[in-house]
PDB file of N, CA and C in Angstrom:
ATOM      1  N   MET A   1      53.655 -24.625 -84.738  1.00  0.00           N
ATOM      2  CA  MET A   1      52.847 -23.527 -84.216  1.00  0.00           C
ATOM      3  C   MET A   1      52.221 -23.975 -82.899  1.00  0.00           C
ATOM      4  N   ASP A   2      52.328 -23.128 -81.891  1.00  0.00           N
ATOM      5  CA  ASP A   2      51.732 -23.385 -80.586  1.00  0.00           C
ATOM      6  C   ASP A   2      50.408 -22.637 -80.504  1.00  0.00           C
ATOM      7  N   ILE A   3      49.403 -23.323 -79.998  1.00  0.00           N
ATOM      8  CA  ILE A   3      48.051 -22.756 -79.927  1.00  0.00           C
ATOM      9  C   ILE A   3      47.513 -22.938 -78.517  1.00  0.00           C
ATOM     10  N   ILE A   4      46.999 -21.853 -77.940  1.00  0.00           N
ATOM     11  CA  ILE A   4      46.238 -21.992 -76.702  1.00  0.00           C
ATOM     12  C   ILE A   4      44.760 -21.971 -77.086  1.00  0.00           C
ATOM     13  N   PHE A   5      43.937 -22.542 -76.232  1.00  0.00           N
ATOM     14  CA  PHE A   5      42.510 -22.539 -76.532  1.00  0.00           C
ATOM     15  C   PHE A   5      41.698 -22.246 -75.288  1.00  0.00           C
ATOM     16  N   LEU A   6      40.542 -21.649 -75.523  1.00  0.00           N
ATOM     17  CA  LEU A   6      39.539 -21.424 -74.490  1.00  0.00           C
ATOM     18  C   LEU A   6      38.263 -22.082 -75.005  1.00  0.00           C
ATOM     19  N   ARG A   7      37.642 -22.918 -74.220  1.00  0.00           N
ATOM     20  CA  ARG A   7      36.438 -23.632 -74.626  1.00  0.00           C
ATOM     21  C   ARG A   7      35.253 -23.238 -73.748  1.00  0.00           C
ATOM     22  N   GLU A   8      34.141 -23.041 -74.406  1.00  0.00           N
ATOM     23  CA  GLU A   8      32.859 -22.772 -73.753  1.00  0.00           C
ATOM     24  C   GLU A   8      32.917 -21.560 -72.822  1.00  0.00           C
ATOM     25  N   LEU A   9      33.615 -20.516 -73.282  1.00  0.00           N
ATOM     26  CA  LEU A   9      33.644 -19.260 -72.538  1.00  0.00           C
ATOM     27  C   LEU A   9      32.277 -18.597 -72.669  1.00  0.00           C
ATOM     28  N   LYS A  10      31.645 -18.329 -71.562  1.00  0.00           N
ATOM     29  CA  LYS A  10      30.322 -17.707 -71.567  1.00  0.00           C
ATOM     30  C   LYS A  10      30.477 -16.198 -71.449  1.00  0.00           C
ATOM     31  N   VAL A  11      29.802 -15.473 -72.338  1.00  0.00           N
ATOM     32  CA  VAL A  11      29.806 -14.011 -72.313  1.00  0.00           C
ATOM     33  C   VAL A  11      28.373 -13.527 -72.499  1.00  0.00           C
ATOM     34  N   VAL A  12      28.095 -12.345 -71.988  1.00  0.00           N
ATOM     35  CA  VAL A  12      26.762 -11.757 -72.106  1.00  0.00           C
ATOM     36  C   VAL A  12      26.893 -10.459 -72.896  1.00  0.00           C
ATOM     37  N   THR A  13      26.031 -10.308 -73.905  1.00  0.00           N
ATOM     38  CA  THR A  13      26.046  -9.100 -74.721  1.00  0.00           C
ATOM     39  C   THR A  13      24.689  -8.915 -75.379  1.00  0.00           C
ATOM     40  N   LEU A  14      24.503  -7.746 -75.962  1.00  0.00           N
ATOM     41  CA  LEU A  14      23.318  -7.500 -76.777  1.00  0.00           C
ATOM     42  C   LEU A  14      23.632  -7.967 -78.193  1.00  0.00           C
ATOM     43  N   ILE A  15      22.839  -8.923 -78.683  1.00  0.00           N
ATOM     44  CA  ILE A  15      23.091  -9.498 -79.996  1.00  0.00           C
ATOM     45  C   ILE A  15      21.761  -9.818 -80.671  1.00  0.00           C
ATOM     46  N   GLY A  16      21.614  -9.364 -81.905  1.00  0.00           N
ATOM     47  CA  GLY A  16      20.426  -9.744 -82.649  1.00  0.00           C
ATOM     48  C   GLY A  16      19.806  -8.600 -83.425  1.00  0.00           C
ATOM     49  N   ILE A  17      18.876  -8.970 -84.287  1.00  0.00           N
ATOM     50  CA  ILE A  17      18.228  -8.002 -85.176  1.00  0.00           C
ATOM     51  C   ILE A  17      16.833  -7.612 -84.709  1.00  0.00           C
ATOM     52  N   TYR A  18      16.252  -8.395 -83.816  1.00  0.00           N
ATOM     53  CA  TYR A  18      14.904  -8.102 -83.353  1.00  0.00           C
ATOM     54  C   TYR A  18      14.937  -7.058 -82.231  1.00  0.00           C
ATOM     55  N   GLU A  19      13.863  -6.305 -82.105  1.00  0.00           N
ATOM     56  CA  GLU A  19      13.819  -5.227 -81.105  1.00  0.00           C
ATOM     57  C   GLU A  19      14.106  -5.731 -79.699  1.00  0.00           C
ATOM     58  N   TRP A  20      13.519  -6.856 -79.319  1.00  0.00           N
ATOM     59  CA  TRP A  20      13.750  -7.363 -77.973  1.00  0.00           C
ATOM     60  C   TRP A  20      15.216  -7.734 -77.771  1.00  0.00           C
ATOM     61  N   GLU A  21      15.906  -8.181 -78.844  1.00  0.00           N
ATOM     62  CA  GLU A  21      17.317  -8.553 -78.729  1.00  0.00           C
ATOM     63  C   GLU A  21      18.214  -7.331 -78.536  1.00  0.00           C
ATOM     64  N   LYS A  22      17.721  -6.181 -78.908  1.00  0.00           N
ATOM     65  CA  LYS A  22      18.480  -4.947 -78.738  1.00  0.00           C
ATOM     66  C   LYS A  22      18.377  -4.414 -77.313  1.00  0.00           C
ATOM     67  N   ARG A  23      17.461  -4.998 -76.526  1.00  0.00           N
ATOM     68  CA  ARG A  23      17.249  -4.546 -75.148  1.00  0.00           C
ATOM     69  C   ARG A  23      17.622  -5.597 -74.098  1.00  0.00           C
ATOM     70  N   VAL A  24      17.549  -6.870 -74.479  1.00  0.00           N
ATOM     71  CA  VAL A  24      17.751  -7.966 -73.523  1.00  0.00           C
ATOM     72  C   VAL A  24      19.089  -8.663 -73.797  1.00  0.00           C
ATOM     73  N   PRO A  25      20.035  -8.547 -72.877  1.00  0.00           N
ATOM     74  CA  PRO A  25      21.321  -9.231 -73.071  1.00  0.00           C
ATOM     75  C   PRO A  25      21.133 -10.745 -73.164  1.00  0.00           C
ATOM     76  N   GLN A  26      21.960 -11.360 -74.001  1.00  0.00           N
ATOM     77  CA  GLN A  26      21.907 -12.808 -74.190  1.00  0.00           C
ATOM     78  C   GLN A  26      23.261 -13.427 -73.876  1.00  0.00           C
ATOM     79  N   MET A  27      23.204 -14.666 -73.417  1.00  0.00           N
ATOM     80  CA  MET A  27      24.423 -15.425 -73.152  1.00  0.00           C
ATOM     81  C   MET A  27      24.878 -16.083 -74.454  1.00  0.00           C
ATOM     82  N   LEU A  28      26.169 -15.919 -74.749  1.00  0.00           N
ATOM     83  CA  LEU A  28      26.785 -16.572 -75.889  1.00  0.00           C
ATOM     84  C   LEU A  28      27.877 -17.496 -75.373  1.00  0.00           C
ATOM     85  N   GLN A  29      28.237 -18.448 -76.207  1.00  0.00           N
ATOM     86  CA  GLN A  29      29.342 -19.335 -75.875  1.00  0.00           C
ATOM     87  C   GLN A  29      30.430 -19.176 -76.932  1.00  0.00           C
ATOM     88  N   LEU A  30      31.664 -18.977 -76.470  1.00  0.00           N
ATOM     89  CA  LEU A  30      32.792 -18.793 -77.373  1.00  0.00           C
ATOM     90  C   LEU A  30      33.779 -19.944 -77.229  1.00  0.00           C
ATOM     91  N   ASP A  31      34.334 -20.350 -78.364  1.00  0.00           N
ATOM     92  CA  ASP A  31      35.486 -21.240 -78.392  1.00  0.00           C
ATOM     93  C   ASP A  31      36.561 -20.514 -79.178  1.00  0.00           C
ATOM     94  N   LEU A  32      37.758 -20.434 -78.607  1.00  0.00           N
ATOM     95  CA  LEU A  32      38.850 -19.704 -79.230  1.00  0.00           C
ATOM     96  C   LEU A  32      40.078 -20.597 -79.348  1.00  0.00           C
ATOM     97  N   ASP A  33      40.711 -20.566 -80.507  1.00  0.00           N
ATOM     98  CA  ASP A  33      42.024 -21.160 -80.729  1.00  0.00           C
ATOM     99  C   ASP A  33      42.928 -20.011 -81.140  1.00  0.00           C
ATOM    100  N   ILE A  34      44.007 -19.804 -80.399  1.00  0.00           N
ATOM    101  CA  ILE A  34      44.859 -18.639 -80.614  1.00  0.00           C
ATOM    102  C   ILE A  34      46.304 -19.103 -80.794  1.00  0.00           C
ATOM    103  N   ALA A  35      46.868 -18.800 -81.972  1.00  0.00           N
ATOM    104  CA  ALA A  35      48.276 -19.117 -82.212  1.00  0.00           C
ATOM    105  C   ALA A  35      49.142 -18.156 -81.414  1.00  0.00           C
ATOM    106  N   LEU A  36      50.155 -18.692 -80.808  1.00  0.00           N
ATOM    107  CA  LEU A  36      51.072 -17.872 -80.028  1.00  0.00           C
ATOM    108  C   LEU A  36      52.076 -17.189 -80.948  1.00  0.00           C
ATOM    109  N   PRO A  37      52.442 -15.951 -80.632  1.00  0.00           N
ATOM    110  CA  PRO A  37      53.398 -15.243 -81.473  1.00  0.00           C
ATOM    111  C   PRO A  37      54.798 -15.857 -81.441  1.00  0.00           C
ATOM    112  N   ASN A  38      55.097 -16.634 -80.395  1.00  0.00           N
ATOM    113  CA  ASN A  38      56.397 -17.301 -80.287  1.00  0.00           C
ATOM    114  C   ASN A  38      56.258 -18.457 -79.295  1.00  0.00           C
ATOM    115  N   SER A  39      57.315 -19.213 -79.133  1.00  0.00           N
ATOM    116  CA  SER A  39      57.271 -20.358 -78.213  1.00  0.00           C
ATOM    117  C   SER A  39      58.171 -20.150 -76.994  1.00  0.00           C
ATOM    118  N   ARG A  40      58.482 -18.910 -76.681  1.00  0.00           N
ATOM    119  CA  ARG A  40      59.387 -18.614 -75.552  1.00  0.00           C
ATOM    120  C   ARG A  40      58.900 -19.207 -74.227  1.00  0.00           C
ATOM    121  N   ALA A  41      57.596 -19.145 -73.991  1.00  0.00           N
ATOM    122  CA  ALA A  41      57.071 -19.630 -72.706  1.00  0.00           C
ATOM    123  C   ALA A  41      57.350 -21.122 -72.498  1.00  0.00           C
ATOM    124  N   CYS A  42      57.433 -21.868 -73.572  1.00  0.00           N
ATOM    125  CA  CYS A  42      57.734 -23.305 -73.462  1.00  0.00           C
ATOM    126  C   CYS A  42      59.110 -23.549 -72.854  1.00  0.00           C
ATOM    127  N   HIS A  43      60.006 -22.617 -73.046  1.00  0.00           N
ATOM    128  CA  HIS A  43      61.384 -22.770 -72.561  1.00  0.00           C
ATOM    129  C   HIS A  43      61.635 -22.002 -71.266  1.00  0.00           C
ATOM    130  N   SER A  44      61.002 -20.845 -71.126  1.00  0.00           N
ATOM    131  CA  SER A  44      61.288 -20.000 -69.960  1.00  0.00           C
ATOM    132  C   SER A  44      60.424 -20.337 -68.750  1.00  0.00           C
ATOM    133  N   ASP A  45      59.232 -20.900 -68.983  1.00  0.00           N
ATOM    134  CA  ASP A  45      58.282 -21.183 -67.902  1.00  0.00           C
ATOM    135  C   ASP A  45      57.912 -19.902 -67.148  1.00  0.00           C
ATOM    136  N   ASP A  46      57.854 -18.798 -67.892  1.00  0.00           N
ATOM    137  CA  ASP A  46      57.591 -17.480 -67.321  1.00  0.00           C
ATOM    138  C   ASP A  46      56.342 -16.890 -67.970  1.00  0.00           C
ATOM    139  N   ILE A  47      55.370 -16.477 -67.160  1.00  0.00           N
ATOM    140  CA  ILE A  47      54.108 -15.934 -67.669  1.00  0.00           C
ATOM    141  C   ILE A  47      54.336 -14.694 -68.537  1.00  0.00           C
ATOM    142  N   LYS A  48      55.414 -13.974 -68.316  1.00  0.00           N
ATOM    143  CA  LYS A  48      55.703 -12.786 -69.130  1.00  0.00           C
ATOM    144  C   LYS A  48      55.966 -13.156 -70.593  1.00  0.00           C
ATOM    145  N   ASP A  49      56.351 -14.407 -70.838  1.00  0.00           N
ATOM    146  CA  ASP A  49      56.596 -14.874 -72.201  1.00  0.00           C
ATOM    147  C   ASP A  49      55.386 -15.574 -72.809  1.00  0.00           C
ATOM    148  N   ALA A  50      54.315 -15.668 -72.062  1.00  0.00           N
ATOM    149  CA  ALA A  50      53.133 -16.405 -72.501  1.00  0.00           C
ATOM    150  C   ALA A  50      52.000 -15.452 -72.869  1.00  0.00           C
ATOM    151  N   LEU A  51      51.008 -15.984 -73.514  1.00  0.00           N
ATOM    152  CA  LEU A  51      49.763 -15.259 -73.757  1.00  0.00           C
ATOM    153  C   LEU A  51      48.837 -15.628 -72.603  1.00  0.00           C
ATOM    154  N   ASP A  52      48.506 -14.665 -71.783  1.00  0.00           N
ATOM    155  CA  ASP A  52      47.716 -14.903 -70.574  1.00  0.00           C
ATOM    156  C   ASP A  52      46.242 -15.061 -70.962  1.00  0.00           C
ATOM    157  N   TYR A  53      45.763 -16.287 -70.965  1.00  0.00           N
ATOM    158  CA  TYR A  53      44.389 -16.544 -71.406  1.00  0.00           C
ATOM    159  C   TYR A  53      43.357 -15.927 -70.476  1.00  0.00           C
ATOM    160  N   ALA A  54      43.704 -15.702 -69.216  1.00  0.00           N
ATOM    161  CA  ALA A  54      42.779 -15.014 -68.313  1.00  0.00           C
ATOM    162  C   ALA A  54      42.574 -13.571 -68.763  1.00  0.00           C
ATOM    163  N   GLN A  55      43.655 -12.922 -69.215  1.00  0.00           N
ATOM    164  CA  GLN A  55      43.537 -11.557 -69.729  1.00  0.00           C
ATOM    165  C   GLN A  55      42.719 -11.528 -71.019  1.00  0.00           C
ATOM    166  N   VAL A  56      42.910 -12.529 -71.878  1.00  0.00           N
ATOM    167  CA  VAL A  56      42.125 -12.618 -73.116  1.00  0.00           C
ATOM    168  C   VAL A  56      40.643 -12.701 -72.775  1.00  0.00           C
ATOM    169  N   ALA A  57      40.286 -13.610 -71.891  1.00  0.00           N
ATOM    170  CA  ALA A  57      38.886 -13.800 -71.510  1.00  0.00           C
ATOM    171  C   ALA A  57      38.293 -12.535 -70.899  1.00  0.00           C
ATOM    172  N   GLN A  58      39.020 -11.899 -69.987  1.00  0.00           N
ATOM    173  CA  GLN A  58      38.517 -10.694 -69.334  1.00  0.00           C
ATOM    174  C   GLN A  58      38.347  -9.552 -70.334  1.00  0.00           C
ATOM    175  N   HIS A  59      39.299  -9.385 -71.224  1.00  0.00           N
ATOM    176  CA  HIS A  59      39.234  -8.309 -72.219  1.00  0.00           C
ATOM    177  C   HIS A  59      38.019  -8.496 -73.135  1.00  0.00           C
ATOM    178  N   ILE A  60      37.803  -9.706 -73.590  1.00  0.00           N
ATOM    179  CA  ILE A  60      36.655  -9.978 -74.461  1.00  0.00           C
ATOM    180  C   ILE A  60      35.349  -9.735 -73.714  1.00  0.00           C
ATOM    181  N   GLN A  61      35.257 -10.207 -72.486  1.00  0.00           N
ATOM    182  CA  GLN A  61      34.035  -9.999 -71.713  1.00  0.00           C
ATOM    183  C   GLN A  61      33.766  -8.521 -71.487  1.00  0.00           C
ATOM    184  N   THR A  62      34.793  -7.747 -71.227  1.00  0.00           N
ATOM    185  CA  THR A  62      34.626  -6.304 -71.024  1.00  0.00           C
ATOM    186  C   THR A  62      34.140  -5.625 -72.294  1.00  0.00           C
ATOM    187  N   VAL A  63      34.769  -5.922 -73.410  1.00  0.00           N
ATOM    188  CA  VAL A  63      34.380  -5.306 -74.689  1.00  0.00           C
ATOM    189  C   VAL A  63      32.950  -5.671 -75.064  1.00  0.00           C
ATOM    190  N   LEU A  64      32.584  -6.926 -74.909  1.00  0.00           N
ATOM    191  CA  LEU A  64      31.241  -7.358 -75.305  1.00  0.00           C
ATOM    192  C   LEU A  64      30.152  -6.848 -74.375  1.00  0.00           C
ATOM    193  N   SER A  65      30.487  -6.620 -73.126  1.00  0.00           N
ATOM    194  CA  SER A  65      29.463  -6.134 -72.187  1.00  0.00           C
ATOM    195  C   SER A  65      29.035  -4.711 -72.520  1.00  0.00           C
ATOM    196  N   ASP A  66      29.857  -3.990 -73.282  1.00  0.00           N
ATOM    197  CA  ASP A  66      29.551  -2.598 -73.628  1.00  0.00           C
ATOM    198  C   ASP A  66      28.974  -2.421 -75.025  1.00  0.00           C
ATOM    199  N   GLY A  67      28.788  -3.506 -75.774  1.00  0.00           N
ATOM    200  CA  GLY A  67      28.416  -3.336 -77.172  1.00  0.00           C
ATOM    201  C   GLY A  67      27.109  -3.990 -77.566  1.00  0.00           C
ATOM    202  N   HIS A  68      26.696  -3.701 -78.803  1.00  0.00           N
ATOM    203  CA  HIS A  68      25.574  -4.378 -79.439  1.00  0.00           C
ATOM    204  C   HIS A  68      25.989  -4.755 -80.843  1.00  0.00           C
ATOM    205  N   PHE A  69      25.679  -5.964 -81.220  1.00  0.00           N
ATOM    206  CA  PHE A  69      25.954  -6.463 -82.553  1.00  0.00           C
ATOM    207  C   PHE A  69      24.665  -7.031 -83.119  1.00  0.00           C
ATOM    208  N   SER A  70      24.408  -6.768 -84.379  1.00  0.00           N
ATOM    209  CA  SER A  70      23.232  -7.341 -85.018  1.00  0.00           C
ATOM    210  C   SER A  70      23.475  -8.802 -85.388  1.00  0.00           C
ATOM    211  N   LEU A  71      24.667  -9.094 -85.899  1.00  0.00           N
ATOM    212  CA  LEU A  71      24.960 -10.427 -86.426  1.00  0.00           C
ATOM    213  C   LEU A  71      26.097 -11.100 -85.669  1.00  0.00           C
ATOM    214  N   LEU A  72      26.007 -12.419 -85.551  1.00  0.00           N
ATOM    215  CA  LEU A  72      27.095 -13.190 -84.959  1.00  0.00           C
ATOM    216  C   LEU A  72      28.371 -13.051 -85.783  1.00  0.00           C
ATOM    217  N   GLU A  73      28.227 -12.910 -87.092  1.00  0.00           N
ATOM    218  CA  GLU A  73      29.389 -12.760 -87.958  1.00  0.00           C
ATOM    219  C   GLU A  73      30.202 -11.521 -87.590  1.00  0.00           C
ATOM    220  N   THR A  74      29.510 -10.425 -87.338  1.00  0.00           N
ATOM    221  CA  THR A  74      30.172  -9.172 -86.973  1.00  0.00           C
ATOM    222  C   THR A  74      30.845  -9.295 -85.609  1.00  0.00           C
ATOM    223  N   LEU A  75      30.169  -9.916 -84.673  1.00  0.00           N
ATOM    224  CA  LEU A  75      30.725 -10.119 -83.342  1.00  0.00           C
ATOM    225  C   LEU A  75      31.971 -10.998 -83.413  1.00  0.00           C
ATOM    226  N   ALA A  76      31.929 -12.079 -84.181  1.00  0.00           N
ATOM    227  CA  ALA A  76      33.085 -12.968 -84.319  1.00  0.00           C
ATOM    228  C   ALA A  76      34.270 -12.233 -84.931  1.00  0.00           C
ATOM    229  N   GLU A  77      34.014 -11.413 -85.943  1.00  0.00           N
ATOM    230  CA  GLU A  77      35.090 -10.630 -86.569  1.00  0.00           C
ATOM    231  C   GLU A  77      35.701  -9.654 -85.569  1.00  0.00           C
ATOM    232  N   HIS A  78      34.862  -9.020 -84.771  1.00  0.00           N
ATOM    233  CA  HIS A  78      35.340  -8.076 -83.757  1.00  0.00           C
ATOM    234  C   HIS A  78      36.267  -8.783 -82.761  1.00  0.00           C
ATOM    235  N   ILE A  79      35.863  -9.953 -82.301  1.00  0.00           N
ATOM    236  CA  ILE A  79      36.684 -10.722 -81.364  1.00  0.00           C
ATOM    237  C   ILE A  79      38.010 -11.120 -82.021  1.00  0.00           C
ATOM    238  N   ALA A  80      37.951 -11.582 -83.265  1.00  0.00           N
ATOM    239  CA  ALA A  80      39.164 -11.986 -83.972  1.00  0.00           C
ATOM    240  C   ALA A  80      40.151 -10.825 -84.073  1.00  0.00           C
ATOM    241  N   GLN A  81      39.649  -9.645 -84.414  1.00  0.00           N
ATOM    242  CA  GLN A  81      40.528  -8.486 -84.558  1.00  0.00           C
ATOM    243  C   GLN A  81      41.125  -8.060 -83.214  1.00  0.00           C
ATOM    244  N   ILE A  82      40.376  -8.177 -82.144  1.00  0.00           N
ATOM    245  CA  ILE A  82      40.904  -7.888 -80.807  1.00  0.00           C
ATOM    246  C   ILE A  82      42.088  -8.806 -80.502  1.00  0.00           C
ATOM    247  N   ILE A  83      41.919 -10.081 -80.762  1.00  0.00           N
ATOM    248  CA  ILE A  83      42.972 -11.047 -80.443  1.00  0.00           C
ATOM    249  C   ILE A  83      44.204 -10.829 -81.317  1.00  0.00           C
ATOM    250  N   LEU A  84      43.987 -10.567 -82.602  1.00  0.00           N
ATOM    251  CA  LEU A  84      45.119 -10.340 -83.509  1.00  0.00           C
ATOM    252  C   LEU A  84      45.881  -9.069 -83.153  1.00  0.00           C
ATOM    253  N   LYS A  85      45.155  -8.009 -82.861  1.00  0.00           N
ATOM    254  CA  LYS A  85      45.800  -6.712 -82.628  1.00  0.00           C
ATOM    255  C   LYS A  85      46.253  -6.523 -81.181  1.00  0.00           C
ATOM    256  N   ASP A  86      45.362  -6.747 -80.231  1.00  0.00           N
ATOM    257  CA  ASP A  86      45.675  -6.457 -78.831  1.00  0.00           C
ATOM    258  C   ASP A  86      46.598  -7.493 -78.190  1.00  0.00           C
ATOM    259  N   PHE A  87      46.596  -8.724 -78.722  1.00  0.00           N
ATOM    260  CA  PHE A  87      47.412  -9.786 -78.125  1.00  0.00           C
ATOM    261  C   PHE A  87      48.493 -10.300 -79.071  1.00  0.00           C
ATOM    262  N   ASN A  88      48.644  -9.615 -80.207  1.00  0.00           N
ATOM    263  CA  ASN A  88      49.727  -9.910 -81.152  1.00  0.00           C
ATOM    264  C   ASN A  88      49.741 -11.371 -81.615  1.00  0.00           C
ATOM    265  N   ALA A  89      48.569 -11.962 -81.746  1.00  0.00           N
ATOM    266  CA  ALA A  89      48.485 -13.341 -82.222  1.00  0.00           C
ATOM    267  C   ALA A  89      48.574 -13.359 -83.747  1.00  0.00           C
ATOM    268  N   PRO A  90      49.321 -14.290 -84.319  1.00  0.00           N
ATOM    269  CA  PRO A  90      49.409 -14.355 -85.774  1.00  0.00           C
ATOM    270  C   PRO A  90      48.186 -14.985 -86.437  1.00  0.00           C
ATOM    271  N   TRP A  91      47.413 -15.767 -85.678  1.00  0.00           N
ATOM    272  CA  TRP A  91      46.256 -16.479 -86.221  1.00  0.00           C
ATOM    273  C   TRP A  91      45.268 -16.745 -85.094  1.00  0.00           C
ATOM    274  N   VAL A  92      43.978 -16.743 -85.443  1.00  0.00           N
ATOM    275  CA  VAL A  92      42.947 -17.045 -84.457  1.00  0.00           C
ATOM    276  C   VAL A  92      41.760 -17.724 -85.146  1.00  0.00           C
ATOM    277  N   LYS A  93      41.152 -18.629 -84.426  1.00  0.00           N
ATOM    278  CA  LYS A  93      39.895 -19.249 -84.843  1.00  0.00           C
ATOM    279  C   LYS A  93      38.877 -18.918 -83.763  1.00  0.00           C
ATOM    280  N   VAL A  94      37.762 -18.322 -84.172  1.00  0.00           N
ATOM    281  CA  VAL A  94      36.722 -17.879 -83.238  1.00  0.00           C
ATOM    282  C   VAL A  94      35.417 -18.564 -83.599  1.00  0.00           C
ATOM    283  N   SER A  95      34.842 -19.259 -82.642  1.00  0.00           N
ATOM    284  CA  SER A  95      33.504 -19.841 -82.796  1.00  0.00           C
ATOM    285  C   SER A  95      32.585 -19.154 -81.804  1.00  0.00           C
ATOM    286  N   VAL A  96      31.446 -18.665 -82.298  1.00  0.00           N
ATOM    287  CA  VAL A  96      30.470 -17.975 -81.455  1.00  0.00           C
ATOM    288  C   VAL A  96      29.132 -18.677 -81.630  1.00  0.00           C
ATOM    289  N   ALA A  97      28.498 -19.004 -80.519  1.00  0.00           N
ATOM    290  CA  ALA A  97      27.216 -19.700 -80.574  1.00  0.00           C
ATOM    291  C   ALA A  97      26.184 -19.013 -79.693  1.00  0.00           C
ATOM    292  N   LYS A  98      24.978 -18.852 -80.267  1.00  0.00           N
ATOM    293  CA  LYS A  98      23.815 -18.499 -79.457  1.00  0.00           C
ATOM    294  C   LYS A  98      23.275 -19.808 -78.898  1.00  0.00           C
ATOM    295  N   LEU A  99      22.868 -19.771 -77.660  1.00  0.00           N
ATOM    296  CA  LEU A  99      22.375 -20.975 -77.002  1.00  0.00           C
ATOM    297  C   LEU A  99      20.859 -21.017 -77.088  1.00  0.00           C
ATOM    298  N   GLN A 100      20.329 -22.085 -77.603  1.00  0.00           N
ATOM    299  CA  GLN A 100      18.889 -22.325 -77.690  1.00  0.00           C
ATOM    300  C   GLN A 100      18.152 -21.194 -78.413  1.00  0.00           C
ATOM    301  N   ALA A 101      18.742 -20.694 -79.490  1.00  0.00           N
ATOM    302  CA  ALA A 101      18.107 -19.632 -80.267  1.00  0.00           C
ATOM    303  C   ALA A 101      16.987 -20.175 -81.152  1.00  0.00           C
ATOM    304  N   ILE A 102      17.084 -21.454 -81.481  1.00  0.00           N
ATOM    305  CA  ILE A 102      16.079 -22.107 -82.321  1.00  0.00           C
ATOM    306  C   ILE A 102      15.543 -23.314 -81.558  1.00  0.00           C
ATOM    307  N   ARG A 103      14.247 -23.478 -81.606  1.00  0.00           N
ATOM    308  CA  ARG A 103      13.624 -24.604 -80.912  1.00  0.00           C
ATOM    309  C   ARG A 103      14.237 -25.928 -81.380  1.00  0.00           C
ATOM    310  N   ASN A 104      14.495 -26.798 -80.439  1.00  0.00           N
ATOM    311  CA  ASN A 104      15.065 -28.123 -80.691  1.00  0.00           C
ATOM    312  C   ASN A 104      16.491 -28.077 -81.222  1.00  0.00           C
ATOM    313  N   CYS A 105      17.183 -26.985 -80.977  1.00  0.00           N
ATOM    314  CA  CYS A 105      18.579 -26.847 -81.410  1.00  0.00           C
ATOM    315  C   CYS A 105      19.382 -26.267 -80.249  1.00  0.00           C
ATOM    316  N   LYS A 106      20.395 -26.980 -79.812  1.00  0.00           N
ATOM    317  CA  LYS A 106      21.178 -26.546 -78.660  1.00  0.00           C
ATOM    318  C   LYS A 106      21.959 -25.265 -78.933  1.00  0.00           C
ATOM    319  N   GLN A 107      22.555 -25.156 -80.129  1.00  0.00           N
ATOM    320  CA  GLN A 107      23.366 -23.995 -80.468  1.00  0.00           C
ATOM    321  C   GLN A 107      23.252 -23.681 -81.954  1.00  0.00           C
ATOM    322  N   VAL A 108      23.357 -22.399 -82.273  1.00  0.00           N
ATOM    323  CA  VAL A 108      23.556 -21.946 -83.652  1.00  0.00           C
ATOM    324  C   VAL A 108      24.704 -20.949 -83.608  1.00  0.00           C
ATOM    325  N   GLY A 109      25.494 -20.904 -84.666  1.00  0.00           N
ATOM    326  CA  GLY A 109      26.614 -19.980 -84.591  1.00  0.00           C
ATOM    327  C   GLY A 109      27.450 -19.907 -85.844  1.00  0.00           C
ATOM    328  N   ILE A 110      28.634 -19.364 -85.657  1.00  0.00           N
ATOM    329  CA  ILE A 110      29.583 -19.132 -86.743  1.00  0.00           C
ATOM    330  C   ILE A 110      30.986 -19.452 -86.251  1.00  0.00           C
ATOM    331  N   CYS A 111      31.822 -19.864 -87.179  1.00  0.00           N
ATOM    332  CA  CYS A 111      33.223 -20.120 -86.904  1.00  0.00           C
ATOM    333  C   CYS A 111      34.028 -19.417 -87.996  1.00  0.00           C
ATOM    334  N   ILE A 112      34.996 -18.572 -87.580  1.00  0.00           N
ATOM    335  CA  ILE A 112      35.852 -17.876 -88.541  1.00  0.00           C
ATOM    336  C   ILE A 112      37.313 -18.075 -88.159  1.00  0.00           C
ATOM    337  N   GLU A 113      38.178 -17.974 -89.146  1.00  0.00           N
ATOM    338  CA  GLU A 113      39.620 -17.978 -88.937  1.00  0.00           C
ATOM    339  C   GLU A 113      40.199 -16.735 -89.567  1.00  0.00           C
ATOM    340  N   ARG A 114      41.122 -16.084 -88.870  1.00  0.00           N
ATOM    341  CA  ARG A 114      41.777 -14.888 -89.365  1.00  0.00           C
ATOM    342  C   ARG A 114      43.266 -14.957 -89.074  1.00  0.00           C
ATOM    343  N   GLY A 115      44.050 -14.285 -89.885  1.00  0.00           N
ATOM    344  CA  GLY A 115      45.487 -14.256 -89.708  1.00  0.00           C
ATOM    345  C   GLY A 115      46.156 -15.273 -90.605  1.00  0.00           C
ATOM    346  N   GLN A 116      47.423 -15.499 -90.330  1.00  0.00           N
ATOM    347  CA  GLN A 116      48.237 -16.396 -91.157  1.00  0.00           C
ATOM    348  C   GLN A 116      48.709 -17.588 -90.327  1.00  0.00           C
ATOM    349  N   VAL A 117      48.471 -18.780 -90.856  1.00  0.00           N
ATOM    350  CA  VAL A 117      48.997 -19.996 -90.236  1.00  0.00           C
ATOM    351  C   VAL A 117      50.453 -20.122 -90.656  1.00  0.00           C
ATOM    352  N   ARG A 118      51.302 -20.380 -89.735  1.00  0.00           N
ATOM    353  CA  ARG A 118      52.737 -20.503 -90.049  1.00  0.00           C
ATOM    354  C   ARG A 118      53.070 -21.866 -90.582  1.00  0.00           C
TER     355      ARG A 118
END
């Protein structure tokens, strides 16, 4: 199985259960591991056969900039479903972290895996 990854992707969205969190956008950090639907790009060296990680990043940033999520779990599931459906990935691992949400803690977050590992 071939996997592409994006590390420490910064996105801004409305996230949280408190009133101020529903009004003030917050920066999140994403780590993504995405299984490729095939290995054609390894042989063809053609971007048309690859999963364009720039498109993945832009699509996620666009979707999150328009939404509000109460829980990181819901946001992570939403991202996973986007990658599985919109990019035809058979498997994805999504880690989402709030930065400095708790005093003396650099990050808090969730990690989920969806789809089938081949």
